[in-house]
Amino acid sequence: MPLRRQDTQKALQPMEECRSVAGDERFRVRAEKLLTIFQSDLFQALLDIQGFYELTVRENQLSGPPSISAKTSPPGSEC
């Protein structure tokens, strides 16, 4: 299942709430690290790239494989 930006935002909300109420210091530190990663520009850019890739794959599946034109001849067949 693909990961989407709205899914990550939905997952971050409860994590932020747990982080603020957590009594365990180790949990709080780890939650803070995860939140920092998920909110980073790099992670958001990776989500954008994944979305673009999925869209491209879906469009290619709908349009079928690229056709080879009749004018194109295989390499080395020039006479």
PDB file of N, CA and C in Angstrom:
ATOM      1  N   MET A   1       0.846  -1.180   0.000  1.00  0.00           N
ATOM      2  CA  MET A   1       0.000   0.000   0.000  1.00  0.00           C
ATOM      3  C   MET A   1       0.887   1.238   0.000  1.00  0.00           C
ATOM      4  N   PRO A   2       0.647   2.152  -0.916  1.00  0.00           N
ATOM      5  CA  PRO A   2       1.482   3.335  -0.994  1.00  0.00           C
ATOM      6  C   PRO A   2       1.271   4.267   0.196  1.00  0.00           C
ATOM      7  N   LEU A   3       2.320   4.954   0.523  1.00  0.00           N
ATOM      8  CA  LEU A   3       2.287   5.914   1.622  1.00  0.00           C
ATOM      9  C   LEU A   3       1.950   7.275   1.044  1.00  0.00           C
ATOM     10  N   ARG A   4       0.971   7.924   1.604  1.00  0.00           N
ATOM     11  CA  ARG A   4       0.550   9.224   1.096  1.00  0.00           C
ATOM     12  C   ARG A   4       0.750  10.293   2.169  1.00  0.00           C
ATOM     13  N   ARG A   5       0.866  11.532   1.694  1.00  0.00           N
ATOM     14  CA  ARG A   5       1.120  12.666   2.588  1.00  0.00           C
ATOM     15  C   ARG A   5       0.031  12.773   3.670  1.00  0.00           C
ATOM     16  N   GLN A   6      -1.229  12.621   3.285  1.00  0.00           N
ATOM     17  CA  GLN A   6      -2.306  12.751   4.277  1.00  0.00           C
ATOM     18  C   GLN A   6      -2.257  11.614   5.303  1.00  0.00           C
ATOM     19  N   ASP A   7      -1.774  10.436   4.868  1.00  0.00           N
ATOM     20  CA  ASP A   7      -1.627   9.320   5.808  1.00  0.00           C
ATOM     21  C   ASP A   7      -0.560   9.631   6.859  1.00  0.00           C
ATOM     22  N   THR A   8       0.537  10.222   6.411  1.00  0.00           N
ATOM     23  CA  THR A   8       1.600  10.543   7.370  1.00  0.00           C
ATOM     24  C   THR A   8       1.140  11.637   8.335  1.00  0.00           C
ATOM     25  N   GLN A   9       0.387  12.607   7.818  1.00  0.00           N
ATOM     26  CA  GLN A   9      -0.115  13.663   8.698  1.00  0.00           C
ATOM     27  C   GLN A   9      -1.070  13.094   9.743  1.00  0.00           C
ATOM     28  N   LYS A  10      -1.908  12.148   9.310  1.00  0.00           N
ATOM     29  CA  LYS A  10      -2.847  11.509  10.231  1.00  0.00           C
ATOM     30  C   LYS A  10      -2.107  10.725  11.313  1.00  0.00           C
ATOM     31  N   ALA A  11      -1.018  10.064  10.927  1.00  0.00           N
ATOM     32  CA  ALA A  11      -0.235   9.266  11.874  1.00  0.00           C
ATOM     33  C   ALA A  11       0.557  10.151  12.830  1.00  0.00           C
ATOM     34  N   LEU A  12       0.920  11.337  12.412  1.00  0.00           N
ATOM     35  CA  LEU A  12       1.718  12.222  13.256  1.00  0.00           C
ATOM     36  C   LEU A  12       0.911  12.830  14.402  1.00  0.00           C
ATOM     37  N   GLN A  13      -0.367  13.054  14.191  1.00  0.00           N
ATOM     38  CA  GLN A  13      -1.186  13.685  15.225  1.00  0.00           C
ATOM     39  C   GLN A  13      -1.200  12.888  16.529  1.00  0.00           C
ATOM     40  N   PRO A  14      -1.530  11.594  16.507  1.00  0.00           N
ATOM     41  CA  PRO A  14      -1.507  10.837  17.774  1.00  0.00           C
ATOM     42  C   PRO A  14      -0.097  10.723  18.353  1.00  0.00           C
ATOM     43  N   MET A  15       0.907  10.662  17.474  1.00  0.00           N
ATOM     44  CA  MET A  15       2.272  10.559  17.968  1.00  0.00           C
ATOM     45  C   MET A  15       2.676  11.836  18.706  1.00  0.00           C
ATOM     46  N   GLU A  16       2.262  12.977  18.178  1.00  0.00           N
ATOM     47  CA  GLU A  16       2.556  14.242  18.854  1.00  0.00           C
ATOM     48  C   GLU A  16       1.861  14.303  20.218  1.00  0.00           C
ATOM     49  N   GLU A  17       0.627  13.795  20.272  1.00  0.00           N
ATOM     50  CA  GLU A  17      -0.101  13.792  21.543  1.00  0.00           C
ATOM     51  C   GLU A  17       0.572  12.867  22.561  1.00  0.00           C
ATOM     52  N   CYS A  18       0.993  11.691  22.100  1.00  0.00           N
ATOM     53  CA  CYS A  18       1.673  10.741  22.992  1.00  0.00           C
ATOM     54  C   CYS A  18       2.995  11.302  23.486  1.00  0.00           C
ATOM     55  N   ARG A  19       3.693  11.986  22.608  1.00  0.00           N
ATOM     56  CA  ARG A  19       4.987  12.544  22.979  1.00  0.00           C
ATOM     57  C   ARG A  19       4.843  13.551  24.120  1.00  0.00           C
ATOM     58  N   SER A  20       3.814  14.365  24.057  1.00  0.00           N
ATOM     59  CA  SER A  20       3.646  15.395  25.076  1.00  0.00           C
ATOM     60  C   SER A  20       3.183  14.818  26.414  1.00  0.00           C
ATOM     61  N   VAL A  21       2.530  13.662  26.418  1.00  0.00           N
ATOM     62  CA  VAL A  21       2.021  13.072  27.648  1.00  0.00           C
ATOM     63  C   VAL A  21       2.924  11.949  28.171  1.00  0.00           C
ATOM     64  N   ALA A  22       3.846  11.478  27.344  1.00  0.00           N
ATOM     65  CA  ALA A  22       4.655  10.312  27.700  1.00  0.00           C
ATOM     66  C   ALA A  22       5.498  10.580  28.943  1.00  0.00           C
ATOM     67  N   GLY A  23       5.466   9.610  29.857  1.00  0.00           N
ATOM     68  CA  GLY A  23       6.279   9.715  31.055  1.00  0.00           C
ATOM     69  C   GLY A  23       7.658   9.113  30.859  1.00  0.00           C
ATOM     70  N   ASP A  24       7.770   8.194  29.919  1.00  0.00           N
ATOM     71  CA  ASP A  24       9.033   7.529  29.639  1.00  0.00           C
ATOM     72  C   ASP A  24       9.900   8.435  28.773  1.00  0.00           C
ATOM     73  N   GLU A  25      11.047   8.825  29.291  1.00  0.00           N
ATOM     74  CA  GLU A  25      11.939   9.743  28.590  1.00  0.00           C
ATOM     75  C   GLU A  25      12.466   9.123  27.285  1.00  0.00           C
ATOM     76  N   ARG A  26      12.785   7.830  27.299  1.00  0.00           N
ATOM     77  CA  ARG A  26      13.295   7.176  26.086  1.00  0.00           C
ATOM     78  C   ARG A  26      12.241   7.198  24.980  1.00  0.00           C
ATOM     79  N   PHE A  27      10.994   6.940  25.359  1.00  0.00           N
ATOM     80  CA  PHE A  27       9.920   6.981  24.368  1.00  0.00           C
ATOM     81  C   PHE A  27       9.779   8.387  23.800  1.00  0.00           C
ATOM     82  N   ARG A  28       9.831   9.377  24.660  1.00  0.00           N
ATOM     83  CA  ARG A  28       9.679  10.759  24.221  1.00  0.00           C
ATOM     84  C   ARG A  28      10.788  11.150  23.235  1.00  0.00           C
ATOM     85  N   VAL A  29      12.025  10.733  23.523  1.00  0.00           N
ATOM     86  CA  VAL A  29      13.151  11.051  22.644  1.00  0.00           C
ATOM     87  C   VAL A  29      12.984  10.360  21.295  1.00  0.00           C
ATOM     88  N   ARG A  30      12.593   9.098  21.304  1.00  0.00           N
ATOM     89  CA  ARG A  30      12.402   8.366  20.050  1.00  0.00           C
ATOM     90  C   ARG A  30      11.238   8.923  19.238  1.00  0.00           C
ATOM     91  N   ALA A  31      10.174   9.281  19.909  1.00  0.00           N
ATOM     92  CA  ALA A  31       9.025   9.876  19.217  1.00  0.00           C
ATOM     93  C   ALA A  31       9.424  11.209  18.595  1.00  0.00           C
ATOM     94  N   GLU A  32      10.228  11.971  19.315  1.00  0.00           N
ATOM     95  CA  GLU A  32      10.706  13.256  18.796  1.00  0.00           C
ATOM     96  C   GLU A  32      11.547  13.052  17.538  1.00  0.00           C
ATOM     97  N   LYS A  33      12.410  12.043  17.532  1.00  0.00           N
ATOM     98  CA  LYS A  33      13.239  11.752  16.355  1.00  0.00           C
ATOM     99  C   LYS A  33      12.363  11.375  15.162  1.00  0.00           C
ATOM    100  N   LEU A  34      11.377  10.498  15.406  1.00  0.00           N
ATOM    101  CA  LEU A  34      10.471  10.095  14.326  1.00  0.00           C
ATOM    102  C   LEU A  34       9.686  11.280  13.775  1.00  0.00           C
ATOM    103  N   LEU A  35       9.178  12.106  14.657  1.00  0.00           N
ATOM    104  CA  LEU A  35       8.423  13.276  14.220  1.00  0.00           C
ATOM    105  C   LEU A  35       9.306  14.204  13.389  1.00  0.00           C
ATOM    106  N   THR A  36      10.531  14.380  13.808  1.00  0.00           N
ATOM    107  CA  THR A  36      11.459  15.234  13.064  1.00  0.00           C
ATOM    108  C   THR A  36      11.692  14.690  11.665  1.00  0.00           C
ATOM    109  N   ILE A  37      11.864  13.375  11.554  1.00  0.00           N
ATOM    110  CA  ILE A  37      12.081  12.754  10.246  1.00  0.00           C
ATOM    111  C   ILE A  37      10.844  12.921   9.366  1.00  0.00           C
ATOM    112  N   PHE A  38       9.672  12.590   9.895  1.00  0.00           N
ATOM    113  CA  PHE A  38       8.445  12.649   9.102  1.00  0.00           C
ATOM    114  C   PHE A  38       8.100  14.070   8.676  1.00  0.00           C
ATOM    115  N   GLN A  39       8.506  15.044   9.450  1.00  0.00           N
ATOM    116  CA  GLN A  39       8.191  16.429   9.125  1.00  0.00           C
ATOM    117  C   GLN A  39       9.293  17.104   8.318  1.00  0.00           C
ATOM    118  N   SER A  40      10.365  16.378   8.028  1.00  0.00           N
ATOM    119  CA  SER A  40      11.494  16.973   7.302  1.00  0.00           C
ATOM    120  C   SER A  40      11.149  17.215   5.839  1.00  0.00           C
ATOM    121  N   ASP A  41      11.841  18.173   5.247  1.00  0.00           N
ATOM    122  CA  ASP A  41      11.645  18.468   3.828  1.00  0.00           C
ATOM    123  C   ASP A  41      12.037  17.270   2.961  1.00  0.00           C
ATOM    124  N   LEU A  42      13.078  16.552   3.376  1.00  0.00           N
ATOM    125  CA  LEU A  42      13.530  15.396   2.603  1.00  0.00           C
ATOM    126  C   LEU A  42      12.442  14.322   2.545  1.00  0.00           C
ATOM    127  N   PHE A  43      11.832  14.017   3.684  1.00  0.00           N
ATOM    128  CA  PHE A  43      10.780  13.000   3.711  1.00  0.00           C
ATOM    129  C   PHE A  43       9.587  13.442   2.870  1.00  0.00           C
ATOM    130  N   GLN A  44       9.230  14.705   2.956  1.00  0.00           N
ATOM    131  CA  GLN A  44       8.112  15.217   2.167  1.00  0.00           C
ATOM    132  C   GLN A  44       8.435  15.158   0.676  1.00  0.00           C
ATOM    133  N   ALA A  45       9.683  15.441   0.308  1.00  0.00           N
ATOM    134  CA  ALA A  45      10.094  15.344  -1.096  1.00  0.00           C
ATOM    135  C   ALA A  45      10.036  13.894  -1.566  1.00  0.00           C
ATOM    136  N   LEU A  46      10.439  12.960  -0.710  1.00  0.00           N
ATOM    137  CA  LEU A  46      10.359  11.540  -1.077  1.00  0.00           C
ATOM    138  C   LEU A  46       8.912  11.110  -1.299  1.00  0.00           C
ATOM    139  N   LEU A  47       7.995  11.619  -0.496  1.00  0.00           N
ATOM    140  CA  LEU A  47       6.572  11.325  -0.707  1.00  0.00           C
ATOM    141  C   LEU A  47       6.094  11.873  -2.051  1.00  0.00           C
ATOM    142  N   ASP A  48       6.563  13.077  -2.402  1.00  0.00           N
ATOM    143  CA  ASP A  48       6.197  13.661  -3.690  1.00  0.00           C
ATOM    144  C   ASP A  48       6.732  12.818  -4.843  1.00  0.00           C
ATOM    145  N   ILE A  49       7.980  12.362  -4.720  1.00  0.00           N
ATOM    146  CA  ILE A  49       8.588  11.533  -5.760  1.00  0.00           C
ATOM    147  C   ILE A  49       7.826  10.219  -5.901  1.00  0.00           C
ATOM    148  N   GLN A  50       7.477   9.616  -4.770  1.00  0.00           N
ATOM    149  CA  GLN A  50       6.737   8.363  -4.821  1.00  0.00           C
ATOM    150  C   GLN A  50       5.379   8.565  -5.491  1.00  0.00           C
ATOM    151  N   GLY A  51       4.716   9.651  -5.163  1.00  0.00           N
ATOM    152  CA  GLY A  51       3.426   9.944  -5.776  1.00  0.00           C
ATOM    153  C   GLY A  51       3.547  10.135  -7.286  1.00  0.00           C
ATOM    154  N   PHE A  52       4.587  10.845  -7.710  1.00  0.00           N
ATOM    155  CA  PHE A  52       4.812  11.052  -9.136  1.00  0.00           C
ATOM    156  C   PHE A  52       5.114   9.729  -9.827  1.00  0.00           C
ATOM    157  N   TYR A  53       5.924   8.894  -9.196  1.00  0.00           N
ATOM    158  CA  TYR A  53       6.265   7.575  -9.756  1.00  0.00           C
ATOM    159  C   TYR A  53       5.003   6.724  -9.916  1.00  0.00           C
ATOM    160  N   GLU A  54       4.169   6.675  -8.878  1.00  0.00           N
ATOM    161  CA  GLU A  54       2.946   5.873  -8.935  1.00  0.00           C
ATOM    162  C   GLU A  54       2.009   6.374 -10.036  1.00  0.00           C
ATOM    163  N   LEU A  55       1.910   7.686 -10.174  1.00  0.00           N
ATOM    164  CA  LEU A  55       1.075   8.265 -11.216  1.00  0.00           C
ATOM    165  C   LEU A  55       1.608   7.895 -12.596  1.00  0.00           C
ATOM    166  N   THR A  56       2.916   7.964 -12.775  1.00  0.00           N
ATOM    167  CA  THR A  56       3.542   7.616 -14.050  1.00  0.00           C
ATOM    168  C   THR A  56       3.314   6.145 -14.391  1.00  0.00           C
ATOM    169  N   VAL A  57       3.494   5.271 -13.406  1.00  0.00           N
ATOM    170  CA  VAL A  57       3.287   3.838 -13.638  1.00  0.00           C
ATOM    171  C   VAL A  57       1.833   3.577 -14.009  1.00  0.00           C
ATOM    172  N   ARG A  58       0.914   4.184 -13.301  1.00  0.00           N
ATOM    173  CA  ARG A  58      -0.510   3.995 -13.578  1.00  0.00           C
ATOM    174  C   ARG A  58      -0.872   4.468 -14.983  1.00  0.00           C
ATOM    175  N   GLU A  59      -0.331   5.634 -15.384  1.00  0.00           N
ATOM    176  CA  GLU A  59      -0.612   6.146 -16.725  1.00  0.00           C
ATOM    177  C   GLU A  59      -0.042   5.221 -17.795  1.00  0.00           C
ATOM    178  N   ASN A  60       1.150   4.682 -17.554  1.00  0.00           N
ATOM    179  CA  ASN A  60       1.758   3.767 -18.516  1.00  0.00           C
ATOM    180  C   ASN A  60       0.977   2.466 -18.626  1.00  0.00           C
ATOM    181  N   GLN A  61       0.407   1.996 -17.531  1.00  0.00           N
ATOM    182  CA  GLN A  61      -0.388   0.776 -17.565  1.00  0.00           C
ATOM    183  C   GLN A  61      -1.672   0.996 -18.351  1.00  0.00           C
ATOM    184  N   LEU A  62      -2.253   2.174 -18.239  1.00  0.00           N
ATOM    185  CA  LEU A  62      -3.490   2.472 -18.956  1.00  0.00           C
ATOM    186  C   LEU A  62      -3.255   2.655 -20.451  1.00  0.00           C
ATOM    187  N   SER A  63      -2.117   3.239 -20.818  1.00  0.00           N
ATOM    188  CA  SER A  63      -1.865   3.509 -22.231  1.00  0.00           C
ATOM    189  C   SER A  63      -1.191   2.340 -22.936  1.00  0.00           C
ATOM    190  N   GLY A  64      -0.730   1.349 -22.202  1.00  0.00           N
ATOM    191  CA  GLY A  64      -0.082   0.186 -22.807  1.00  0.00           C
ATOM    192  C   GLY A  64       1.391   0.436 -23.044  1.00  0.00           C
ATOM    193  N   PRO A  65       2.083  -0.580 -23.541  1.00  0.00           N
ATOM    194  CA  PRO A  65       3.519  -0.431 -23.784  1.00  0.00           C
ATOM    195  C   PRO A  65       3.779   0.523 -24.940  1.00  0.00           C
ATOM    196  N   PRO A  66       4.915   1.224 -24.914  1.00  0.00           N
ATOM    197  CA  PRO A  66       5.206   2.148 -26.013  1.00  0.00           C
ATOM    198  C   PRO A  66       5.387   1.383 -27.321  1.00  0.00           C
ATOM    199  N   SER A  67       4.857   1.948 -28.396  1.00  0.00           N
ATOM    200  CA  SER A  67       4.972   1.274 -29.688  1.00  0.00           C
ATOM    201  C   SER A  67       6.261   1.713 -30.374  1.00  0.00           C
ATOM    202  N   ILE A  68       6.818   0.807 -31.167  1.00  0.00           N
ATOM    203  CA  ILE A  68       8.030   1.101 -31.911  1.00  0.00           C
ATOM    204  C   ILE A  68       7.599   1.492 -33.312  1.00  0.00           C
ATOM    205  N   SER A  69       8.080   2.632 -33.781  1.00  0.00           N
ATOM    206  CA  SER A  69       7.634   3.093 -35.096  1.00  0.00           C
ATOM    207  C   SER A  69       8.268   2.249 -36.197  1.00  0.00           C
ATOM    208  N   ALA A  70       7.594   2.181 -37.329  1.00  0.00           N
ATOM    209  CA  ALA A  70       8.059   1.367 -38.449  1.00  0.00           C
ATOM    210  C   ALA A  70       9.310   1.957 -39.087  1.00  0.00           C
ATOM    211  N   LYS A  71       9.550   3.268 -38.901  1.00  0.00           N
ATOM    212  CA  LYS A  71      10.705   3.918 -39.492  1.00  0.00           C
ATOM    213  C   LYS A  71      11.994   3.553 -38.764  1.00  0.00           C
ATOM    214  N   THR A  72      11.902   3.097 -37.566  1.00  0.00           N
ATOM    215  CA  THR A  72      13.076   2.764 -36.782  1.00  0.00           C
ATOM    216  C   THR A  72      13.591   1.402 -37.202  1.00  0.00           C
ATOM    217  N   SER A  73      14.860   1.340 -37.549  1.00  0.00           N
ATOM    218  CA  SER A  73      15.460   0.063 -37.901  1.00  0.00           C
ATOM    219  C   SER A  73      16.456  -0.333 -36.835  1.00  0.00           C
ATOM    220  N   PRO A  74      16.673  -1.616 -36.648  1.00  0.00           N
ATOM    221  CA  PRO A  74      17.590  -2.058 -35.623  1.00  0.00           C
ATOM    222  C   PRO A  74      19.009  -1.593 -35.917  1.00  0.00           C
ATOM    223  N   PRO A  75      19.820  -1.381 -34.869  1.00  0.00           N
ATOM    224  CA  PRO A  75      21.182  -0.940 -35.072  1.00  0.00           C
ATOM    225  C   PRO A  75      21.955  -1.932 -35.928  1.00  0.00           C
ATOM    226  N   GLY A  76      22.800  -1.414 -36.831  1.00  0.00           N
ATOM    227  CA  GLY A  76      23.635  -2.259 -37.668  1.00  0.00           C
ATOM    228  C   GLY A  76      22.956  -2.738 -38.926  1.00  0.00           C
ATOM    229  N   SER A  77      21.715  -2.319 -39.168  1.00  0.00           N
ATOM    230  CA  SER A  77      21.007  -2.802 -40.355  1.00  0.00           C
ATOM    231  C   SER A  77      21.045  -1.783 -41.483  1.00  0.00           C
ATOM    232  N   GLU A  78      21.864  -0.723 -41.357  1.00  0.00           N
ATOM    233  CA  GLU A  78      21.949   0.281 -42.408  1.00  0.00           C
ATOM    234  C   GLU A  78      22.659  -0.331 -43.612  1.00  0.00           C
ATOM    235  N   CYS A  79      22.122  -0.101 -44.795  1.00  0.00           N
ATOM    236  CA  CYS A  79      22.727  -0.632 -46.021  1.00  0.00           C
ATOM    237  C   CYS A  79      23.164   0.478 -46.932  1.00  0.00           C
TER     238      CYS A  79
END
